[in-house]
Every structure is written in C-alpha cells, then in structure tokens.
Amino acid sequence: MAQPSQHQLHDKEFGRNWVKTSRFLFYVQVFTLLGFVAGCSGYLYTTRYKGKPKVEVPESTQYNPKYKS
C-alpha cells in the first residue's frame, strides 16, 4: 500500500485549498441562515396573536357616553 505524497496531503488541507474552504463556508452560512429562519418562525408561531380579548369598557368612555342622571 503506497503512502500518499506530501503534495497530495497538502492539497487536502482545509486552509490550503481555497475552493473546498469557500464551499464549506458557503454551506455553513446557508445552514446557519436556515436554522435562524426556522428558529425565528417557531418562536413567532408559539407567541402568535391568540385573538381579540373581551375587554370591559366603562360606559362613560364610549363614543356615545352614557352618564348617570
């Protein structure tokens, strides 16, 4: 079994081959962005608006107020 030459090992290093390095960094950015979007979407879904609450409004503060006589 022949051992790989120094030149072949040198080409496979992460810091030496800029094509593999840039491809790896691109995929890291893509998966990080997808994870961020999924996390934000999940958070917004869990804290979504549940509907209009029933609020009691005093009669004296309505558009046509009703005062005590």
Protein backbone atom coordinates (compact mmCIF):
# COMPACT_ATOMS: atom_id res chain seq x y z
CA MET A 1 0.00 0.00 0.00
CA ALA A 2 1.57 3.23 -1.13
CA GLN A 3 1.54 6.22 1.13
CA PRO A 4 0.15 9.49 -0.29
CA SER A 5 2.76 12.02 -1.23
CA GLN A 6 3.28 15.26 0.66
CA HIS A 7 1.76 17.19 -2.27
CA GLN A 8 -1.49 15.19 -2.13
CA LEU A 9 -1.81 15.71 1.61
CA HIS A 10 -1.06 19.40 1.15
CA ASP A 11 -3.97 19.74 -1.35
CA LYS A 12 -6.44 18.15 1.06
CA GLU A 13 -5.73 20.52 3.93
CA PHE A 14 -8.61 22.81 4.87
CA GLY A 15 -6.59 26.01 4.97
CA ARG A 16 -4.66 25.35 1.75
CA ASN A 17 -7.39 24.60 -0.77
CA TRP A 18 -9.49 27.75 -1.12
CA VAL A 19 -12.12 26.06 -3.33
CA LYS A 20 -13.03 23.49 -0.68
CA THR A 21 -12.76 26.11 2.03
CA SER A 22 -15.12 28.54 0.31
CA ARG A 23 -17.60 25.75 -0.48
CA PHE A 24 -17.56 24.64 3.15
CA LEU A 25 -18.04 28.19 4.43
CA PHE A 26 -20.89 28.72 1.95
CA TYR A 27 -22.71 25.65 3.25
CA VAL A 28 -22.09 26.71 6.84
CA GLN A 29 -23.67 30.09 6.07
CA VAL A 30 -26.65 28.50 4.30
CA PHE A 31 -27.39 26.06 7.13
CA THR A 32 -26.89 28.79 9.74
CA LEU A 33 -29.34 31.06 7.92
CA LEU A 34 -31.88 28.23 7.55
CA GLY A 35 -31.56 27.40 11.24
CA PHE A 36 -32.04 31.04 12.19
CA VAL A 37 -35.15 31.38 9.99
CA ALA A 38 -36.61 28.13 11.35
CA GLY A 39 -35.94 29.23 14.94
CA CYS A 40 -37.49 32.65 14.45
CA SER A 41 -40.52 31.14 12.70
CA GLY A 42 -41.02 28.68 15.53
CA TYR A 43 -40.76 31.42 18.11
CA LEU A 44 -43.25 33.62 16.25
CA TYR A 45 -45.64 30.67 15.94
CA THR A 46 -45.55 29.93 19.67
CA THR A 47 -46.08 33.60 20.62
CA ARG A 48 -48.67 34.36 17.93
CA TYR A 49 -51.69 36.59 18.47
CA LYS A 50 -54.41 34.47 20.07
CA GLY A 51 -57.41 36.66 19.20
CA LYS A 52 -59.31 39.66 20.40
CA PRO A 53 -59.78 39.61 24.17
CA LYS A 54 -63.06 40.52 25.84
CA VAL A 55 -62.46 43.92 27.41
CA GLU A 56 -64.99 45.73 29.56
CA VAL A 57 -65.21 49.41 28.63
CA PRO A 58 -66.81 51.85 31.05
CA GLU A 59 -69.95 53.46 29.61
CA SER A 60 -68.68 56.97 30.29
CA THR A 61 -65.68 56.48 27.95
CA GLN A 62 -67.54 55.16 24.88
CA TYR A 63 -68.07 57.10 21.64
CA ASN A 64 -71.59 57.99 22.75
CA PRO A 65 -71.11 58.19 26.54
CA LYS A 66 -73.90 57.37 28.93
CA TYR A 67 -73.85 59.43 32.09
CA LYS A 68 -75.66 58.82 35.33
CA SER A 69 -78.72 61.01 35.67
